[in-house]
Amino acid sequence: MDTVYVIDFGDRVKIGITKNLNARINQLQFACKRKAKRYFFVPGDFILEQIAHRKFSAYKIQGEYYN
């Protein structure tokens, strides 16, 4: 089962899906050059991820990043 996650980096939030949450958090922290302040995750699939993207579409910055 995949994991749908929301990670708060302070100035932006990332919504995504992964099979390996710990590895994904590490990848994002390296790419963003900042530590995740907090995160939320639930077992889910592509459909749940897309629902989250639509729910927060008014706050979209770029790609899967929101403010």
PDB file of N, CA and C in Angstrom:
ATOM      1  N   MET A   1       0.846  -1.184   0.000  1.00  0.00           N
ATOM      2  CA  MET A   1       0.000   0.000   0.000  1.00  0.00           C
ATOM      3  C   MET A   1       0.884   1.237   0.000  1.00  0.00           C
ATOM      4  N   ASP A   2       0.492   2.211  -0.760  1.00  0.00           N
ATOM      5  CA  ASP A   2       1.212   3.477  -0.818  1.00  0.00           C
ATOM      6  C   ASP A   2       0.843   4.357   0.371  1.00  0.00           C
ATOM      7  N   THR A   3       1.603   5.429   0.542  1.00  0.00           N
ATOM      8  CA  THR A   3       1.353   6.402   1.597  1.00  0.00           C
ATOM      9  C   THR A   3       1.176   7.773   0.962  1.00  0.00           C
ATOM     10  N   VAL A   4       0.100   8.446   1.298  1.00  0.00           N
ATOM     11  CA  VAL A   4      -0.121   9.828   0.878  1.00  0.00           C
ATOM     12  C   VAL A   4       0.396  10.698   2.016  1.00  0.00           C
ATOM     13  N   TYR A   5       1.207  11.697   1.667  1.00  0.00           N
ATOM     14  CA  TYR A   5       1.845  12.512   2.699  1.00  0.00           C
ATOM     15  C   TYR A   5       1.664  14.001   2.431  1.00  0.00           C
ATOM     16  N   VAL A   6       1.753  14.776   3.509  1.00  0.00           N
ATOM     17  CA  VAL A   6       1.790  16.236   3.464  1.00  0.00           C
ATOM     18  C   VAL A   6       2.972  16.628   4.337  1.00  0.00           C
ATOM     19  N   ILE A   7       3.950  17.312   3.754  1.00  0.00           N
ATOM     20  CA  ILE A   7       5.151  17.700   4.488  1.00  0.00           C
ATOM     21  C   ILE A   7       5.251  19.221   4.504  1.00  0.00           C
ATOM     22  N   ASP A   8       5.417  19.783   5.692  1.00  0.00           N
ATOM     23  CA  ASP A   8       5.524  21.230   5.882  1.00  0.00           C
ATOM     24  C   ASP A   8       6.998  21.616   5.976  1.00  0.00           C
ATOM     25  N   PHE A   9       7.450  22.443   5.025  1.00  0.00           N
ATOM     26  CA  PHE A   9       8.823  22.933   5.019  1.00  0.00           C
ATOM     27  C   PHE A   9       8.919  24.372   5.506  1.00  0.00           C
ATOM     28  N   GLY A  10       7.859  24.881   6.098  1.00  0.00           N
ATOM     29  CA  GLY A  10       7.877  26.245   6.618  1.00  0.00           C
ATOM     30  C   GLY A  10       7.300  27.239   5.635  1.00  0.00           C
ATOM     31  N   ASP A  11       7.947  27.396   4.483  1.00  0.00           N
ATOM     32  CA  ASP A  11       7.454  28.345   3.483  1.00  0.00           C
ATOM     33  C   ASP A  11       6.599  27.681   2.414  1.00  0.00           C
ATOM     34  N   ARG A  12       6.514  26.369   2.446  1.00  0.00           N
ATOM     35  CA  ARG A  12       5.704  25.625   1.487  1.00  0.00           C
ATOM     36  C   ARG A  12       5.377  24.253   2.039  1.00  0.00           C
ATOM     37  N   VAL A  13       4.342  23.669   1.472  1.00  0.00           N
ATOM     38  CA  VAL A  13       3.876  22.339   1.867  1.00  0.00           C
ATOM     39  C   VAL A  13       3.870  21.463   0.622  1.00  0.00           C
ATOM     40  N   LYS A  14       4.308  20.231   0.763  1.00  0.00           N
ATOM     41  CA  LYS A  14       4.350  19.280  -0.361  1.00  0.00           C
ATOM     42  C   LYS A  14       3.326  18.197  -0.108  1.00  0.00           C
ATOM     43  N   ILE A  15       2.488  17.927  -1.106  1.00  0.00           N
ATOM     44  CA  ILE A  15       1.529  16.822  -1.062  1.00  0.00           C
ATOM     45  C   ILE A  15       1.980  15.804  -2.090  1.00  0.00           C
ATOM     46  N   GLY A  16       2.084  14.552  -1.673  1.00  0.00           N
ATOM     47  CA  GLY A  16       2.531  13.533  -2.610  1.00  0.00           C
ATOM     48  C   GLY A  16       2.168  12.135  -2.159  1.00  0.00           C
ATOM     49  N   ILE A  17       2.701  11.164  -2.896  1.00  0.00           N
ATOM     50  CA  ILE A  17       2.455   9.757  -2.620  1.00  0.00           C
ATOM     51  C   ILE A  17       3.773   9.010  -2.775  1.00  0.00           C
ATOM     52  N   THR A  18       3.969   7.984  -1.959  1.00  0.00           N
ATOM     53  CA  THR A  18       5.220   7.226  -2.015  1.00  0.00           C
ATOM     54  C   THR A  18       5.001   5.813  -1.486  1.00  0.00           C
ATOM     55  N   LYS A  19       5.907   4.933  -1.839  1.00  0.00           N
ATOM     56  CA  LYS A  19       5.924   3.587  -1.271  1.00  0.00           C
ATOM     57  C   LYS A  19       6.843   3.523  -0.053  1.00  0.00           C
ATOM     58  N   ASN A  20       7.805   4.459   0.038  1.00  0.00           N
ATOM     59  CA  ASN A  20       8.774   4.462   1.137  1.00  0.00           C
ATOM     60  C   ASN A  20       8.841   5.873   1.722  1.00  0.00           C
ATOM     61  N   LEU A  21       8.078   6.115   2.773  1.00  0.00           N
ATOM     62  CA  LEU A  21       7.945   7.464   3.335  1.00  0.00           C
ATOM     63  C   LEU A  21       9.270   8.014   3.846  1.00  0.00           C
ATOM     64  N   ASN A  22      10.015   7.234   4.601  1.00  0.00           N
ATOM     65  CA  ASN A  22      11.280   7.737   5.159  1.00  0.00           C
ATOM     66  C   ASN A  22      12.258   8.138   4.061  1.00  0.00           C
ATOM     67  N   ALA A  23      12.383   7.320   3.033  1.00  0.00           N
ATOM     68  CA  ALA A  23      13.280   7.653   1.928  1.00  0.00           C
ATOM     69  C   ALA A  23      12.809   8.918   1.217  1.00  0.00           C
ATOM     70  N   ARG A  24      11.493   9.058   1.038  1.00  0.00           N
ATOM     71  CA  ARG A  24      10.962  10.236   0.339  1.00  0.00           C
ATOM     72  C   ARG A  24      11.197  11.505   1.142  1.00  0.00           C
ATOM     73  N   ILE A  25      10.989  11.455   2.453  1.00  0.00           N
ATOM     74  CA  ILE A  25      11.248  12.632   3.293  1.00  0.00           C
ATOM     75  C   ILE A  25      12.713  13.037   3.184  1.00  0.00           C
ATOM     76  N   ASN A  26      13.608  12.069   3.248  1.00  0.00           N
ATOM     77  CA  ASN A  26      15.044  12.367   3.115  1.00  0.00           C
ATOM     78  C   ASN A  26      15.366  12.983   1.762  1.00  0.00           C
ATOM     79  N   GLN A  27      14.792  12.468   0.687  1.00  0.00           N
ATOM     80  CA  GLN A  27      15.019  13.030  -0.655  1.00  0.00           C
ATOM     81  C   GLN A  27      14.556  14.481  -0.726  1.00  0.00           C
ATOM     82  N   LEU A  28      13.366  14.736  -0.203  1.00  0.00           N
ATOM     83  CA  LEU A  28      12.813  16.092  -0.271  1.00  0.00           C
ATOM     84  C   LEU A  28      13.602  17.069   0.585  1.00  0.00           C
ATOM     85  N   GLN A  29      14.026  16.647   1.761  1.00  0.00           N
ATOM     86  CA  GLN A  29      14.820  17.534   2.620  1.00  0.00           C
ATOM     87  C   GLN A  29      16.134  17.885   1.955  1.00  0.00           C
ATOM     88  N   PHE A  30      16.747  16.933   1.263  1.00  0.00           N
ATOM     89  CA  PHE A  30      17.989  17.201   0.544  1.00  0.00           C
ATOM     90  C   PHE A  30      17.742  18.162  -0.615  1.00  0.00           C
ATOM     91  N   ALA A  31      16.682  17.912  -1.378  1.00  0.00           N
ATOM     92  CA  ALA A  31      16.374  18.748  -2.547  1.00  0.00           C
ATOM     93  C   ALA A  31      15.955  20.162  -2.142  1.00  0.00           C
ATOM     94  N   CYS A  32      15.212  20.292  -1.047  1.00  0.00           N
ATOM     95  CA  CYS A  32      14.712  21.599  -0.605  1.00  0.00           C
ATOM     96  C   CYS A  32      15.713  22.354   0.246  1.00  0.00           C
ATOM     97  N   LYS A  33      16.768  21.683   0.677  1.00  0.00           N
ATOM     98  CA  LYS A  33      17.799  22.310   1.520  1.00  0.00           C
ATOM     99  C   LYS A  33      17.249  22.812   2.852  1.00  0.00           C
ATOM    100  N   ARG A  34      16.133  22.228   3.298  1.00  0.00           N
ATOM    101  CA  ARG A  34      15.574  22.595   4.599  1.00  0.00           C
ATOM    102  C   ARG A  34      14.923  21.367   5.223  1.00  0.00           C
ATOM    103  N   LYS A  35      14.860  21.390   6.536  1.00  0.00           N
ATOM    104  CA  LYS A  35      14.305  20.263   7.275  1.00  0.00           C
ATOM    105  C   LYS A  35      12.783  20.379   7.361  1.00  0.00           C
ATOM    106  N   ALA A  36      12.123  19.248   7.241  1.00  0.00           N
ATOM    107  CA  ALA A  36      10.671  19.231   7.397  1.00  0.00           C
ATOM    108  C   ALA A  36      10.322  19.613   8.830  1.00  0.00           C
ATOM    109  N   LYS A  37       9.387  20.552   8.974  1.00  0.00           N
ATOM    110  CA  LYS A  37       8.972  20.979  10.312  1.00  0.00           C
ATOM    111  C   LYS A  37       7.995  19.983  10.910  1.00  0.00           C
ATOM    112  N   ARG A  38       7.111  19.474  10.102  1.00  0.00           N
ATOM    113  CA  ARG A  38       6.147  18.460  10.529  1.00  0.00           C
ATOM    114  C   ARG A  38       5.566  17.799   9.282  1.00  0.00           C
ATOM    115  N   TYR A  39       4.990  16.649   9.493  1.00  0.00           N
ATOM    116  CA  TYR A  39       4.361  15.971   8.370  1.00  0.00           C
ATOM    117  C   TYR A  39       3.201  15.118   8.843  1.00  0.00           C
ATOM    118  N   PHE A  40       2.331  14.841   7.903  1.00  0.00           N
ATOM    119  CA  PHE A  40       1.140  14.049   8.124  1.00  0.00           C
ATOM    120  C   PHE A  40       1.122  12.990   7.040  1.00  0.00           C
ATOM    121  N   PHE A  41       0.738  11.779   7.375  1.00  0.00           N
ATOM    122  CA  PHE A  41       0.668  10.738   6.357  1.00  0.00           C
ATOM    123  C   PHE A  41      -0.430   9.733   6.685  1.00  0.00           C
ATOM    124  N   VAL A  42      -1.000   9.152   5.646  1.00  0.00           N
ATOM    125  CA  VAL A  42      -2.037   8.130   5.785  1.00  0.00           C
ATOM    126  C   VAL A  42      -1.849   7.102   4.680  1.00  0.00           C
ATOM    127  N   PRO A  43      -2.238   5.855   4.936  1.00  0.00           N
ATOM    128  CA  PRO A  43      -2.235   4.883   3.845  1.00  0.00           C
ATOM    129  C   PRO A  43      -3.213   5.371   2.783  1.00  0.00           C
ATOM    130  N   GLY A  44      -2.816   5.297   1.540  1.00  0.00           N
ATOM    131  CA  GLY A  44      -3.696   5.777   0.489  1.00  0.00           C
ATOM    132  C   GLY A  44      -3.182   5.437  -0.885  1.00  0.00           C
ATOM    133  N   ASP A  45      -3.887   5.913  -1.880  1.00  0.00           N
ATOM    134  CA  ASP A  45      -3.538   5.630  -3.256  1.00  0.00           C
ATOM    135  C   ASP A  45      -3.582   6.921  -4.079  1.00  0.00           C
ATOM    136  N   PHE A  46      -3.386   6.765  -5.380  1.00  0.00           N
ATOM    137  CA  PHE A  46      -3.356   7.896  -6.300  1.00  0.00           C
ATOM    138  C   PHE A  46      -4.642   8.716  -6.214  1.00  0.00           C
ATOM    139  N   ILE A  47      -5.773   8.065  -6.040  1.00  0.00           N
ATOM    140  CA  ILE A  47      -7.052   8.783  -5.977  1.00  0.00           C
ATOM    141  C   ILE A  47      -7.093   9.704  -4.759  1.00  0.00           C
ATOM    142  N   LEU A  48      -6.658   9.208  -3.604  1.00  0.00           N
ATOM    143  CA  LEU A  48      -6.618  10.050  -2.402  1.00  0.00           C
ATOM    144  C   LEU A  48      -5.662  11.223  -2.583  1.00  0.00           C
ATOM    145  N   GLU A  49      -4.515  10.975  -3.203  1.00  0.00           N
ATOM    146  CA  GLU A  49      -3.567  12.059  -3.460  1.00  0.00           C
ATOM    147  C   GLU A  49      -4.211  13.124  -4.343  1.00  0.00           C
ATOM    148  N   GLN A  50      -4.902  12.705  -5.391  1.00  0.00           N
ATOM    149  CA  GLN A  50      -5.543  13.653  -6.298  1.00  0.00           C
ATOM    150  C   GLN A  50      -6.647  14.447  -5.602  1.00  0.00           C
ATOM    151  N   ILE A  51      -7.370  13.809  -4.695  1.00  0.00           N
ATOM    152  CA  ILE A  51      -8.391  14.521  -3.912  1.00  0.00           C
ATOM    153  C   ILE A  51      -7.728  15.627  -3.086  1.00  0.00           C
ATOM    154  N   ALA A  52      -6.598  15.315  -2.463  1.00  0.00           N
ATOM    155  CA  ALA A  52      -5.870  16.324  -1.671  1.00  0.00           C
ATOM    156  C   ALA A  52      -5.396  17.468  -2.562  1.00  0.00           C
ATOM    157  N   HIS A  53      -4.882  17.158  -3.749  1.00  0.00           N
ATOM    158  CA  HIS A  53      -4.430  18.208  -4.671  1.00  0.00           C
ATOM    159  C   HIS A  53      -5.592  19.120  -5.066  1.00  0.00           C
ATOM    160  N   ARG A  54      -6.741  18.536  -5.356  1.00  0.00           N
ATOM    161  CA  ARG A  54      -7.908  19.350  -5.736  1.00  0.00           C
ATOM    162  C   ARG A  54      -8.398  20.193  -4.556  1.00  0.00           C
ATOM    163  N   LYS A  55      -8.394  19.604  -3.363  1.00  0.00           N
ATOM    164  CA  LYS A  55      -8.881  20.305  -2.162  1.00  0.00           C
ATOM    165  C   LYS A  55      -8.072  21.584  -1.899  1.00  0.00           C
ATOM    166  N   PHE A  56      -6.768  21.518  -2.136  1.00  0.00           N
ATOM    167  CA  PHE A  56      -5.888  22.650  -1.842  1.00  0.00           C
ATOM    168  C   PHE A  56      -5.429  23.407  -3.093  1.00  0.00           C
ATOM    169  N   SER A  57      -6.113  23.218  -4.197  1.00  0.00           N
ATOM    170  CA  SER A  57      -5.685  23.826  -5.467  1.00  0.00           C
ATOM    171  C   SER A  57      -5.610  25.353  -5.412  1.00  0.00           C
ATOM    172  N   ALA A  58      -6.413  25.987  -4.585  1.00  0.00           N
ATOM    173  CA  ALA A  58      -6.378  27.451  -4.469  1.00  0.00           C
ATOM    174  C   ALA A  58      -5.063  27.940  -3.870  1.00  0.00           C
ATOM    175  N   TYR A  59      -4.322  27.061  -3.210  1.00  0.00           N
ATOM    176  CA  TYR A  59      -3.072  27.427  -2.534  1.00  0.00           C
ATOM    177  C   TYR A  59      -1.827  26.935  -3.278  1.00  0.00           C
ATOM    178  N   LYS A  60      -2.028  26.442  -4.492  1.00  0.00           N
ATOM    179  CA  LYS A  60      -0.926  25.861  -5.257  1.00  0.00           C
ATOM    180  C   LYS A  60       0.109  26.911  -5.640  1.00  0.00           C
ATOM    181  N   ILE A  61       1.383  26.574  -5.413  1.00  0.00           N
ATOM    182  CA  ILE A  61       2.494  27.433  -5.826  1.00  0.00           C
ATOM    183  C   ILE A  61       3.028  26.933  -7.165  1.00  0.00           C
ATOM    184  N   GLN A  62       3.445  25.656  -7.153  1.00  0.00           N
ATOM    185  CA  GLN A  62       4.017  25.052  -8.358  1.00  0.00           C
ATOM    186  C   GLN A  62       4.042  23.538  -8.155  1.00  0.00           C
ATOM    187  N   GLY A  63       3.692  22.784  -9.186  1.00  0.00           N
ATOM    188  CA  GLY A  63       3.729  21.332  -9.096  1.00  0.00           C
ATOM    189  C   GLY A  63       2.886  20.822  -7.943  1.00  0.00           C
ATOM    190  N   GLU A  64       3.512  20.134  -7.010  1.00  0.00           N
ATOM    191  CA  GLU A  64       2.814  19.585  -5.843  1.00  0.00           C
ATOM    192  C   GLU A  64       3.108  20.391  -4.578  1.00  0.00           C
ATOM    193  N   TYR A  65       3.525  21.641  -4.746  1.00  0.00           N
ATOM    194  CA  TYR A  65       3.842  22.517  -3.613  1.00  0.00           C
ATOM    195  C   TYR A  65       2.746  23.558  -3.425  1.00  0.00           C
ATOM    196  N   TYR A  66       2.410  23.790  -2.160  1.00  0.00           N
ATOM    197  CA  TYR A  66       1.320  24.700  -1.778  1.00  0.00           C
ATOM    198  C   TYR A  66       1.788  25.623  -0.661  1.00  0.00           C
ATOM    199  N   ASN A  67       1.070  26.750  -0.507  1.00  0.00           N
ATOM    200  CA  ASN A  67       1.389  27.627   0.625  1.00  0.00           C
ATOM    201  C   ASN A  67       0.198  27.779   1.539  1.00  0.00           C
TER     202      ASN A  67
END
